[in-house]
Structures are given as C-alpha cells and as structure tokens.
Protein backbone atom coordinates (compact mmCIF):
# COMPACT_ATOMS: atom_id res chain seq x y z
CA MET A 1 108.42 134.12 80.51
CA ASN A 2 106.98 130.81 79.06
CA GLU A 3 103.48 131.91 79.87
CA GLY A 4 104.39 133.24 83.32
CA LYS A 5 106.08 130.00 84.53
CA TYR A 6 109.47 131.64 84.89
CA ARG A 7 110.82 135.12 85.78
CA ALA A 8 114.25 136.44 84.63
CA ARG A 9 116.77 139.01 85.90
CA LEU A 10 119.77 140.53 84.22
CA MET A 11 122.82 140.27 86.80
CA LYS A 12 126.55 140.74 86.70
CA ASN A 13 128.35 138.04 88.12
CA GLY A 14 131.88 138.14 90.17
CA MET A 15 133.72 138.23 86.98
CA GLY A 16 131.84 141.17 85.63
CA ASP A 17 129.85 139.19 82.94
CA LEU A 18 126.38 139.91 82.30
CA THR A 19 123.98 136.83 83.06
CA ILE A 20 120.44 135.86 83.11
CA ARG A 21 119.02 134.29 86.52
CA PHE A 22 115.77 132.25 85.95
CA VAL A 23 113.51 131.85 88.86
CA ALA A 24 110.02 130.11 89.32
CA ALA A 25 107.29 132.82 89.14
CA PRO A 26 104.96 132.76 92.13
CA ILE A 27 101.67 130.86 91.55
CA ILE A 28 98.75 132.89 92.60
CA LYS A 29 96.00 131.13 94.51
CA GLN A 30 97.26 127.66 94.07
CA GLU A 31 95.24 125.06 95.41
CA PRO A 32 96.84 123.19 98.46
CA LYS A 33 98.09 119.77 97.58
CA ASN A 34 96.46 116.58 99.26
CA LEU A 35 99.02 114.91 101.40
CA VAL A 36 99.02 111.61 103.61
CA VAL A 37 101.47 111.19 106.33
CA MET A 38 102.75 107.99 107.84
CA GLY A 39 105.34 108.04 110.40
CA THR A 40 105.70 110.39 113.71
CA CYS A 41 106.49 113.92 114.86
CA PHE A 42 109.42 113.95 112.46
CA SER A 43 107.06 114.35 109.80
CA ARG A 44 103.51 115.24 110.98
CA ASN A 45 104.61 118.25 113.32
CA ALA A 46 105.73 120.39 109.95
CA PHE A 47 102.01 120.40 109.44
CA ASN A 48 101.09 122.06 112.78
CA THR A 49 99.73 125.62 113.10
CA SER A 50 101.31 126.71 116.13
CA PRO A 51 104.29 129.24 116.06
CA TYR A 52 106.85 126.87 116.78
CA PHE A 53 106.11 124.84 113.65
CA ASN A 54 104.15 126.39 110.58
CA PRO A 55 101.33 128.60 110.96
CA ASP A 56 100.59 128.83 107.21
CA TYR A 57 101.13 125.18 106.20
CA LYS A 58 97.57 124.97 105.19
CA SER A 59 98.17 127.32 102.20
CA PHE A 60 100.40 124.74 100.78
CA PHE A 61 99.15 121.35 101.83
CA ASN A 62 95.77 119.42 102.95
CA ILE A 63 96.26 116.60 105.55
CA GLN A 64 93.96 113.97 104.47
CA PHE A 65 94.69 111.83 107.36
CA THR A 66 97.95 110.51 109.15
CA GLN A 67 98.96 107.11 110.15
CA THR A 68 101.34 107.43 113.13
CA HIS A 69 103.44 105.46 115.17
CA THR A 70 102.82 102.34 112.94
CA SER A 71 105.33 100.20 111.74
CA LEU A 72 105.69 98.82 108.48
CA ILE A 73 105.35 95.15 109.99
CA SER A 74 102.25 96.23 111.68
CA ALA A 75 100.86 97.79 108.59
CA THR A 76 101.20 94.55 106.44
CA THR A 77 99.68 92.23 108.81
CA PRO A 78 95.61 91.38 109.24
CA ALA A 79 93.76 92.43 111.94
CA TYR A 80 93.48 90.61 115.02
CA SER A 81 90.53 88.24 115.14
CA GLU A 82 89.34 88.82 118.70
CA GLY A 83 87.89 91.95 120.19
CA ILE A 84 90.27 94.84 121.91
CA PRO A 85 88.49 96.61 124.83
CA PHE A 86 89.50 99.92 123.87
CA ASP A 87 86.08 101.28 125.39
CA GLN A 88 87.22 99.85 128.87
CA TYR A 89 90.30 102.14 128.75
CA ALA A 90 89.03 105.15 126.67
CA ASP A 91 89.56 107.60 129.44
CA THR A 92 93.34 106.53 129.89
CA PHE A 93 93.86 108.15 126.58
CA THR A 94 93.28 111.62 124.93
CA LYS A 95 90.96 111.28 122.10
CA THR A 96 93.84 111.72 119.72
CA GLU A 97 95.85 109.07 121.49
CA LEU A 98 93.10 106.51 121.44
CA GLU A 99 92.62 107.20 117.67
CA ASN A 100 96.20 106.59 117.02
CA VAL A 101 96.19 103.35 118.69
CA LYS A 102 93.11 102.24 117.20
CA ASP A 103 94.57 102.95 113.81
CA ASP A 104 97.26 100.68 114.38
CA PHE A 105 94.94 97.74 115.37
CA ARG A 106 92.58 98.35 112.34
CA LYS A 107 94.92 97.42 109.18
CA ASP A 108 93.00 99.46 106.94
CA PHE A 109 95.67 101.92 105.96
CA PHE A 110 95.72 100.95 102.25
CA GLU A 111 92.01 100.96 101.94
CA ARG A 112 92.21 104.52 103.30
CA LEU A 113 95.08 105.51 101.26
CA HIS A 114 93.36 104.05 98.02
CA GLU A 115 90.26 106.31 98.76
CA ALA A 116 91.92 109.46 99.63
CA GLN A 117 94.18 109.24 96.41
CA PRO A 118 96.54 112.02 97.75
CA ASP A 119 99.06 114.02 95.68
CA TYR A 120 101.92 112.92 97.88
CA PHE A 121 102.74 110.52 100.53
CA LEU A 122 105.49 111.59 103.27
CA ILE A 123 106.88 108.80 105.33
CA ASP A 124 109.36 108.29 108.14
CA LEU A 125 110.43 105.14 109.68
CA TYR A 126 111.23 106.18 113.24
CA PRO A 127 108.39 103.54 114.49
CA ASP A 128 110.64 100.86 112.67
CA ALA A 129 113.80 102.00 114.19
CA ILE A 130 113.29 102.22 117.67
CA ARG A 131 109.87 100.72 118.83
CA PRO A 132 109.29 97.07 119.47
CA ILE A 133 106.62 94.86 117.49
CA ILE A 134 104.19 92.86 119.66
CA TRP A 135 102.78 89.68 117.65
CA LEU A 136 99.30 89.17 119.30
CA ASP A 137 99.00 85.92 117.54
CA GLU A 138 100.92 83.81 114.64
CA LYS A 139 99.68 86.32 112.33
CA SER A 140 98.55 89.57 113.69
CA ALA A 141 101.28 92.39 115.04
CA ILE A 142 100.84 95.68 116.41
CA THR A 143 103.37 98.56 117.01
CA GLY A 144 104.58 98.86 120.72
CA SER A 145 104.17 102.81 120.34
CA TYR A 146 105.00 104.77 123.26
CA ILE A 147 101.30 105.66 123.53
CA LEU A 148 100.20 101.99 124.06
CA GLU A 149 103.25 101.10 126.08
CA GLY A 150 102.34 103.82 128.60
CA SER A 151 98.57 102.78 128.78
CA PRO A 152 96.91 100.19 131.10
CA LEU A 153 95.54 98.64 127.71
CA PHE A 154 99.20 97.46 127.28
CA ASP A 155 98.84 95.28 129.91
CA VAL A 156 95.82 93.15 128.84
CA ILE A 157 96.24 92.82 125.22
CA PRO A 158 97.36 89.30 124.18
CA CYS A 159 101.17 88.71 123.28
CA GLN A 160 102.41 85.62 121.36
CA GLU A 161 106.03 86.98 121.05
CA ILE A 162 107.91 90.37 120.99
CA LEU A 163 110.19 91.50 118.44
CA ASP A 164 112.33 94.32 119.91
CA HIS A 165 115.68 95.80 119.08
CA THR A 166 118.15 93.64 121.44
CA ASP A 167 119.00 91.73 118.08
CA ASP A 168 118.85 94.44 115.26
CA GLU A 169 119.72 91.93 112.75
CA ALA A 170 117.03 89.62 113.50
CA PHE A 171 114.72 92.59 113.62
CA TYR A 172 115.86 93.61 110.38
CA GLN A 173 115.50 90.27 108.49
CA VAL A 174 111.95 90.33 109.49
CA TRP A 175 111.41 94.10 108.55
CA LYS A 176 112.79 93.69 105.20
CA LYS A 177 110.04 90.83 104.21
CA HIS A 178 107.07 93.30 105.25
CA ALA A 179 108.93 96.41 103.69
CA ASP A 180 108.84 94.59 100.51
CA GLU A 181 105.04 93.74 100.99
CA PHE A 182 104.20 97.42 102.15
CA LEU A 183 106.17 98.92 98.84
CA ALA A 184 104.43 96.83 96.79
CA LYS A 185 101.10 97.65 98.04
CA LEU A 186 101.89 101.20 98.25
CA LEU A 187 103.20 101.87 94.62
CA LYS A 188 100.18 100.23 93.36
CA ILE A 189 98.17 103.26 94.95
CA ILE A 190 100.78 106.00 94.45
CA PRO A 191 103.72 106.30 91.89
CA GLU A 192 107.35 106.39 93.20
CA GLU A 193 107.77 110.05 92.35
CA ARG A 194 104.71 110.97 94.71
CA VAL A 195 106.30 109.33 97.72
CA ILE A 196 108.56 111.29 100.00
CA LEU A 197 110.98 109.51 102.43
CA ASN A 198 111.71 111.81 105.31
CA LYS A 199 115.16 110.35 106.45
CA GLY A 200 114.64 111.93 109.88
CA GLY A 201 117.13 111.14 112.36
CA PHE A 202 118.07 111.69 116.04
CA THR A 203 119.63 114.41 117.66
CA TYR A 204 122.51 114.19 120.46
CA LYS A 205 122.30 117.47 121.92
CA TYR A 206 119.59 120.31 122.67
CA TYR A 207 119.15 123.76 123.73
CA ASP A 208 118.49 124.12 127.41
CA GLU A 209 116.20 126.81 128.87
CA ASN A 210 119.17 129.24 128.75
CA GLN A 211 119.90 128.29 125.14
CA LYS A 212 122.98 126.68 126.03
CA VAL A 213 123.83 123.38 124.07
CA ILE A 214 123.71 120.26 126.38
CA ALA A 215 124.29 116.64 125.21
CA TYR A 216 121.94 113.79 125.93
CA LYS A 217 123.21 111.35 128.26
CA ASN A 218 122.32 107.92 126.23
CA LYS A 219 124.47 109.07 123.44
CA MET A 220 125.37 105.10 122.58
CA ALA A 221 122.00 104.13 122.65
CA ILE A 222 120.72 106.95 120.26
CA GLU A 223 123.81 105.89 118.23
CA LYS A 224 122.66 102.48 117.84
CA ALA A 225 119.15 103.17 116.99
CA GLN A 226 120.42 105.65 114.29
CA LEU A 227 122.60 102.91 112.63
CA LEU A 228 119.50 100.96 112.29
CA TRP A 229 117.24 103.54 110.94
CA ASP A 230 119.94 104.44 108.56
CA ARG A 231 119.76 100.92 107.25
CA LEU A 232 116.16 100.98 107.03
CA ASN A 233 116.16 104.15 105.01
CA ASN A 234 118.74 102.26 102.65
CA TYR A 235 116.66 99.38 102.34
CA PHE A 236 113.71 101.31 101.31
CA LEU A 237 115.23 103.38 98.65
CA SER A 238 117.14 100.27 96.98
CA VAL A 239 113.57 98.78 96.48
CA ALA A 240 111.95 102.20 95.64
CA PRO A 241 115.06 104.18 94.09
CA ASN A 242 112.72 106.97 92.53
CA VAL A 243 110.96 108.30 95.73
CA ARG A 244 111.83 111.66 96.65
CA VAL A 245 114.08 112.03 99.78
CA ILE A 246 114.26 114.75 102.48
CA ASP A 247 117.47 114.63 104.30
CA PHE A 248 118.69 117.16 106.88
CA SER A 249 121.45 114.96 108.49
CA ASN A 250 123.98 117.78 107.41
CA LYS A 251 122.24 120.69 108.57
CA GLY A 252 122.98 120.55 112.24
CA TYR A 253 119.54 120.79 113.85
CA ILE A 254 119.45 119.77 117.47
CA GLY A 255 116.65 119.66 120.16
CA ASP A 256 115.30 122.47 122.20
CA PHE A 257 114.02 122.86 125.85
CA TYR A 258 111.23 124.76 124.66
CA TYR A 259 109.66 122.00 122.08
CA PRO A 260 105.74 122.44 122.74
CA PHE A 261 105.57 118.76 123.58
CA GLY A 262 108.67 118.01 125.69
CA HIS A 263 112.32 118.10 124.45
CA SER A 264 113.89 114.58 123.61
CA PHE A 265 116.39 113.09 121.07
CA SER A 266 113.51 112.56 118.55
CA HIS A 267 112.28 116.26 118.91
CA PHE A 268 114.08 119.26 117.18
CA GLU A 269 114.39 123.01 117.38
CA SER A 270 111.81 125.08 115.44
CA GLY A 271 113.72 125.72 112.28
CA TYR A 272 113.85 121.72 111.27
CA TYR A 273 110.15 122.01 111.06
CA LYS A 274 109.94 125.29 108.99
CA ASP A 275 112.85 123.81 106.83
CA LEU A 276 110.92 120.80 106.26
CA LEU A 277 107.58 122.46 104.87
CA LYS A 278 109.85 124.45 102.49
CA GLU A 279 111.49 121.25 101.33
CA MET A 280 108.00 119.78 100.70
CA ILE A 281 107.08 122.94 98.64
CA TYR A 282 110.17 122.62 96.59
CA ILE A 283 109.50 118.75 96.03
CA ASP A 284 105.87 119.98 94.75
CA GLN A 285 107.14 122.89 92.59
CA THR A 286 109.93 120.64 91.09
CA ASN A 287 107.17 117.77 90.17
CA SER A 288 104.69 120.53 88.72
CA PHE A 289 107.43 121.70 86.35
CA ARG A 290 108.05 117.79 85.20
CA ASP A 291 104.05 117.49 84.74
C-alpha cells in the first residue's frame, strides 16, 4: 500500500471484530545511514560486530567517527598551546587508546562533525557524569578518562585545577555553561531531530560466571553518580527538547561477568546492545516516514 511503504493484514481482535493492522514494509537494499557517536561503551559498543553485540550492524549504520570519553566541557575549550609528549608515552597505550586520548586534546570535534555531515548523531553523557575535568591552564580543559588516568602520561601533563565530583553542584554549574555552548555549536551542524541522546545509566547488579545475580558493593557511590547523570540528561533535553531519546531505565538490564571487556556497573548484558541497535533502526524508520 502507498507505493510499497506499508503492508496491511486483516485480523480478528479479542472481541471478534475485524481489524486491519498496518506495518512498515521492509526496505530492500537500503543504504546504511551515516552516524557519528560521542560518548562511551554505553553507545559505541552497539556498533561492534562481535557476537555479544551486533554482528550485522553495518547493514544499518556506517560509523564515520567516534569521539569517545570526552566531556562537553573538554569539547568546548581551546587546545592547549604547549606540546604534549604523546610519542614519548605511545607504547603505554594501545593504538586505539592513544587515538582516543589525542582526540580529547585536539579540540577539533566540531570541525570533524561539520565535515562528516552525518545522518544521525548519537551521544551519551557518561564522561560528564563520572569523570573529572583537568584544567591544563586557564582556558584549556581535558577529560580525566580512565584511559588517561591509568597511563604515565597522566603524571606529566600540566594541571592548574581539577574539577571533580566531590561537589556535584559546583560541577553542574560549570558544566551547564559548556553544555549551552556545545549544543549551540552542535545544532548549527545537525538539527535536533537527528540528534539522539542515549540516557545510559548504571547498573547495580550483574550475572556472575554461574548466571547468579550479584549486587555491586559500591551501590551508594553508583546511585550518587546516577543522580548527577539524570540531572545532566534533563538539562540537555531542556535546552534541546526535540532530540530523540533512548531510555532503557525501565527494562531491567544488568551487567554480565562475560562482558567481552570486563564486567562493571557501566557494562551491560548482551541484550542491551542488541536492543539499542533496534531502537536506532526504529528512530531512522520513523524519521524516514516524516521525511
């Protein structure tokens, strides 16, 4: 029906009445949509071809680039004027880790996004919710990601001030100003309807190696971080209310001992990532109908 956009099926409902159910017709040989991801494993690992994640994701999305473990504060500050000795410590990182750290220092995210012109932009605010901000000088800040924090490079970079989460209110007030700047720049490149906020969220439990449900011991600290993350999400949406949202907070996903990169309160069971890809496909289909 409607030039092949829909299929219809006659059905009898529970009251015995004849009804017609409409569904979207499958799209044959649809080109994968271009996607840029900014965030962490909460979002990016749905686009991983291992069996735990989504082996067929490339049929639906083409990842143009990923800006990972970068806070909105870091993304909206200028590059540090002095040199950073990346080469001297390159062998302490994997190749991917080093590129991720360099991305956070380069401050060229918006230029790359403008050049990419993606169909969609997917973001989660994990780095803002839990990682500290390191001010290298009065103007330039970087994200204190776990990658950087665990390397010898962390000990030699300049540090004028650290903004951490010991005082979430103070962090929030600084973060809001940079979130405003980030969204103002972002929405000049891509419209709100093509921005997707993955609300993410932490888990308090996981399946152990025997598939028994075990609680993480640091529940209060996780809950504190979750409260701030919820607040950041809410502010993001108050500034950009028309962005699309992925929210799995009511689906009950928990962690898994067999998560490929190690279980933690920020890593989920396999179904979360498969569901996230399905949600992305659904968002694309509904946007296609609007177009």
